[in-house]
């Protein structure tokens, strides 16, 4: 299995930012991920 670039706690924190109402594009830019990865 491929090793994830982010830890589970980092992923949870990124998703909580999205739930808090921040724009997905801004979150992706801050963390260096694509918007497609975020929606996956």
PDB file of N, CA and C in Angstrom:
ATOM      1  N   UNK A   1       0.848  -1.178   0.000  1.00  0.00           N
ATOM      2  CA  UNK A   1       0.000   0.000   0.000  1.00  0.00           C
ATOM      3  C   UNK A   1       0.894   1.242   0.000  1.00  0.00           C
ATOM      4  N   UNK A   2       0.467   2.269  -0.752  1.00  0.00           N
ATOM      5  CA  UNK A   2       1.243   3.491  -0.856  1.00  0.00           C
ATOM      6  C   UNK A   2       1.191   4.271   0.462  1.00  0.00           C
ATOM      7  N   UNK A   3       2.341   4.786   0.864  1.00  0.00           N
ATOM      8  CA  UNK A   3       2.408   5.573   2.086  1.00  0.00           C
ATOM      9  C   UNK A   3       1.826   6.957   1.832  1.00  0.00           C
ATOM     10  N   UNK A   4       0.978   7.418   2.715  1.00  0.00           N
ATOM     11  CA  UNK A   4       0.357   8.724   2.579  1.00  0.00           C
ATOM     12  C   UNK A   4       1.358   9.827   2.887  1.00  0.00           C
ATOM     13  N   UNK A   5       1.217  10.940   2.179  1.00  0.00           N
ATOM     14  CA  UNK A   5       2.100  12.087   2.395  1.00  0.00           C
ATOM     15  C   UNK A   5       1.744  12.816   3.697  1.00  0.00           C
ATOM     16  N   UNK A   6       0.490  12.709   4.089  1.00  0.00           N
ATOM     17  CA  UNK A   6       0.005  13.376   5.292  1.00  0.00           C
ATOM     18  C   UNK A   6      -0.390  12.344   6.340  1.00  0.00           C
ATOM     19  N   UNK A   7      -0.201  12.703   7.608  1.00  0.00           N
ATOM     20  CA  UNK A   7      -0.639  11.815   8.678  1.00  0.00           C
ATOM     21  C   UNK A   7      -2.153  11.928   8.816  1.00  0.00           C
ATOM     22  N   UNK A   8      -2.718  10.983   9.530  1.00  0.00           N
ATOM     23  CA  UNK A   8      -4.171  10.991   9.717  1.00  0.00           C
ATOM     24  C   UNK A   8      -4.634  12.259  10.428  1.00  0.00           C
ATOM     25  N   UNK A   9      -3.882  12.718  11.397  1.00  0.00           N
ATOM     26  CA  UNK A   9      -4.272  13.926  12.131  1.00  0.00           C
ATOM     27  C   UNK A   9      -4.202  15.169  11.246  1.00  0.00           C
ATOM     28  N   UNK A  10      -3.242  15.203  10.309  1.00  0.00           N
ATOM     29  CA  UNK A  10      -3.164  16.335   9.381  1.00  0.00           C
ATOM     30  C   UNK A  10      -4.362  16.347   8.441  1.00  0.00           C
ATOM     31  N   UNK A  11      -4.766  15.168   7.984  1.00  0.00           N
ATOM     32  CA  UNK A  11      -5.913  15.066   7.092  1.00  0.00           C
ATOM     33  C   UNK A  11      -7.177  15.533   7.800  1.00  0.00           C
ATOM     34  N   UNK A  12      -7.334  15.121   9.048  1.00  0.00           N
ATOM     35  CA  UNK A  12      -8.507  15.536   9.828  1.00  0.00           C
ATOM     36  C   UNK A  12      -8.512  17.055  10.003  1.00  0.00           C
ATOM     37  N   UNK A  13      -7.363  17.640  10.263  1.00  0.00           N
ATOM     38  CA  UNK A  13      -7.272  19.092  10.442  1.00  0.00           C
ATOM     39  C   UNK A  13      -7.641  19.836   9.153  1.00  0.00           C
ATOM     40  N   UNK A  14      -7.200  19.318   8.021  1.00  0.00           N
ATOM     41  CA  UNK A  14      -7.523  19.944   6.732  1.00  0.00           C
ATOM     42  C   UNK A  14      -9.031  19.868   6.472  1.00  0.00           C
ATOM     43  N   UNK A  15      -9.634  18.716   6.763  1.00  0.00           N
ATOM     44  CA  UNK A  15     -11.074  18.567   6.558  1.00  0.00           C
ATOM     45  C   UNK A  15     -11.873  19.463   7.501  1.00  0.00           C
ATOM     46  N   UNK A  16     -11.379  19.667   8.715  1.00  0.00           N
ATOM     47  CA  UNK A  16     -12.069  20.556   9.657  1.00  0.00           C
ATOM     48  C   UNK A  16     -12.017  22.000   9.171  1.00  0.00           C
ATOM     49  N   UNK A  17     -10.892  22.389   8.538  1.00  0.00           N
ATOM     50  CA  UNK A  17     -10.800  23.731   7.964  1.00  0.00           C
ATOM     51  C   UNK A  17     -11.863  23.910   6.896  1.00  0.00           C
ATOM     52  N   UNK A  18     -12.069  22.894   6.078  1.00  0.00           N
ATOM     53  CA  UNK A  18     -13.082  22.970   5.027  1.00  0.00           C
ATOM     54  C   UNK A  18     -14.481  23.069   5.639  1.00  0.00           C
ATOM     55  N   UNK A  19     -14.728  22.323   6.702  1.00  0.00           N
ATOM     56  CA  UNK A  19     -16.027  22.376   7.372  1.00  0.00           C
ATOM     57  C   UNK A  19     -16.260  23.725   8.042  1.00  0.00           C
ATOM     58  N   UNK A  20     -15.178  24.398   8.413  1.00  0.00           N
ATOM     59  CA  UNK A  20     -15.294  25.683   9.088  1.00  0.00           C
ATOM     60  C   UNK A  20     -15.712  26.795   8.124  1.00  0.00           C
ATOM     61  N   UNK A  21     -15.655  26.498   6.817  1.00  0.00           N
ATOM     62  CA  UNK A  21     -16.144  27.486   5.856  1.00  0.00           C
ATOM     63  C   UNK A  21     -15.069  28.121   5.002  1.00  0.00           C
ATOM     64  N   UNK A  22     -13.825  27.714   5.157  1.00  0.00           N
ATOM     65  CA  UNK A  22     -12.771  28.261   4.312  1.00  0.00           C
ATOM     66  C   UNK A  22     -12.936  27.741   2.889  1.00  0.00           C
ATOM     67  N   UNK A  23     -12.492  28.525   1.912  1.00  0.00           N
ATOM     68  CA  UNK A  23     -12.596  28.100   0.520  1.00  0.00           C
ATOM     69  C   UNK A  23     -11.656  26.932   0.272  1.00  0.00           C
ATOM     70  N   UNK A  24     -12.145  25.956  -0.477  1.00  0.00           N
ATOM     71  CA  UNK A  24     -11.366  24.756  -0.770  1.00  0.00           C
ATOM     72  C   UNK A  24     -10.083  25.112  -1.520  1.00  0.00           C
ATOM     73  N   UNK A  25     -10.179  26.053  -2.453  1.00  0.00           N
ATOM     74  CA  UNK A  25      -8.992  26.449  -3.216  1.00  0.00           C
ATOM     75  C   UNK A  25      -7.903  27.026  -2.306  1.00  0.00           C
ATOM     76  N   UNK A  26      -8.302  27.807  -1.323  1.00  0.00           N
ATOM     77  CA  UNK A  26      -7.335  28.396  -0.398  1.00  0.00           C
ATOM     78  C   UNK A  26      -6.681  27.330   0.477  1.00  0.00           C
ATOM     79  N   UNK A  27      -7.474  26.391   0.953  1.00  0.00           N
ATOM     80  CA  UNK A  27      -6.951  25.316   1.790  1.00  0.00           C
ATOM     81  C   UNK A  27      -5.946  24.476   1.003  1.00  0.00           C
ATOM     82  N   UNK A  28      -6.316  24.136  -0.226  1.00  0.00           N
ATOM     83  CA  UNK A  28      -5.439  23.317  -1.073  1.00  0.00           C
ATOM     84  C   UNK A  28      -4.123  24.040  -1.349  1.00  0.00           C
ATOM     85  N   UNK A  29      -4.188  25.310  -1.598  1.00  0.00           N
ATOM     86  CA  UNK A  29      -2.978  26.091  -1.864  1.00  0.00           C
ATOM     87  C   UNK A  29      -2.075  26.119  -0.633  1.00  0.00           C
ATOM     88  N   UNK A  30      -2.645  26.272   0.548  1.00  0.00           N
ATOM     89  CA  UNK A  30      -1.865  26.327   1.787  1.00  0.00           C
ATOM     90  C   UNK A  30      -1.139  25.019   2.055  1.00  0.00           C
ATOM     91  N   UNK A  31      -1.799  23.901   1.775  1.00  0.00           N
ATOM     92  CA  UNK A  31      -1.244  22.604   2.130  1.00  0.00           C
ATOM     93  C   UNK A  31      -0.559  21.882   0.976  1.00  0.00           C
ATOM     94  N   UNK A  32      -0.623  22.479  -0.210  1.00  0.00           N
ATOM     95  CA  UNK A  32       0.062  21.895  -1.356  1.00  0.00           C
ATOM     96  C   UNK A  32      -0.597  20.646  -1.915  1.00  0.00           C
ATOM     97  N   UNK A  33      -1.925  20.627  -1.918  1.00  0.00           N
ATOM     98  CA  UNK A  33      -2.640  19.501  -2.506  1.00  0.00           C
ATOM     99  C   UNK A  33      -3.538  20.020  -3.618  1.00  0.00           C
ATOM    100  N   UNK A  34      -3.950  19.144  -4.519  1.00  0.00           N
ATOM    101  CA  UNK A  34      -4.862  19.557  -5.578  1.00  0.00           C
ATOM    102  C   UNK A  34      -6.292  19.519  -5.061  1.00  0.00           C
ATOM    103  N   UNK A  35      -7.155  20.269  -5.723  1.00  0.00           N
ATOM    104  CA  UNK A  35      -8.553  20.266  -5.297  1.00  0.00           C
ATOM    105  C   UNK A  35      -9.185  18.897  -5.548  1.00  0.00           C
ATOM    106  N   UNK A  36      -8.731  18.178  -6.573  1.00  0.00           N
ATOM    107  CA  UNK A  36      -9.250  16.829  -6.837  1.00  0.00           C
ATOM    108  C   UNK A  36      -8.899  15.887  -5.689  1.00  0.00           C
ATOM    109  N   UNK A  37      -7.693  16.025  -5.140  1.00  0.00           N
ATOM    110  CA  UNK A  37      -7.282  15.197  -4.005  1.00  0.00           C
ATOM    111  C   UNK A  37      -8.179  15.498  -2.799  1.00  0.00           C
ATOM    112  N   UNK A  38      -8.489  16.732  -2.604  1.00  0.00           N
ATOM    113  CA  UNK A  38      -9.349  17.114  -1.484  1.00  0.00           C
ATOM    114  C   UNK A  38     -10.731  16.484  -1.611  1.00  0.00           C
ATOM    115  N   UNK A  39     -11.289  16.485  -2.804  1.00  0.00           N
ATOM    116  CA  UNK A  39     -12.636  15.926  -2.976  1.00  0.00           C
ATOM    117  C   UNK A  39     -12.637  14.413  -2.882  1.00  0.00           C
ATOM    118  N   UNK A  40     -11.487  13.785  -3.155  1.00  0.00           N
ATOM    119  CA  UNK A  40     -11.397  12.333  -3.008  1.00  0.00           C
ATOM    120  C   UNK A  40     -11.542  11.973  -1.556  1.00  0.00           C
TER     121      UNK A  40
END
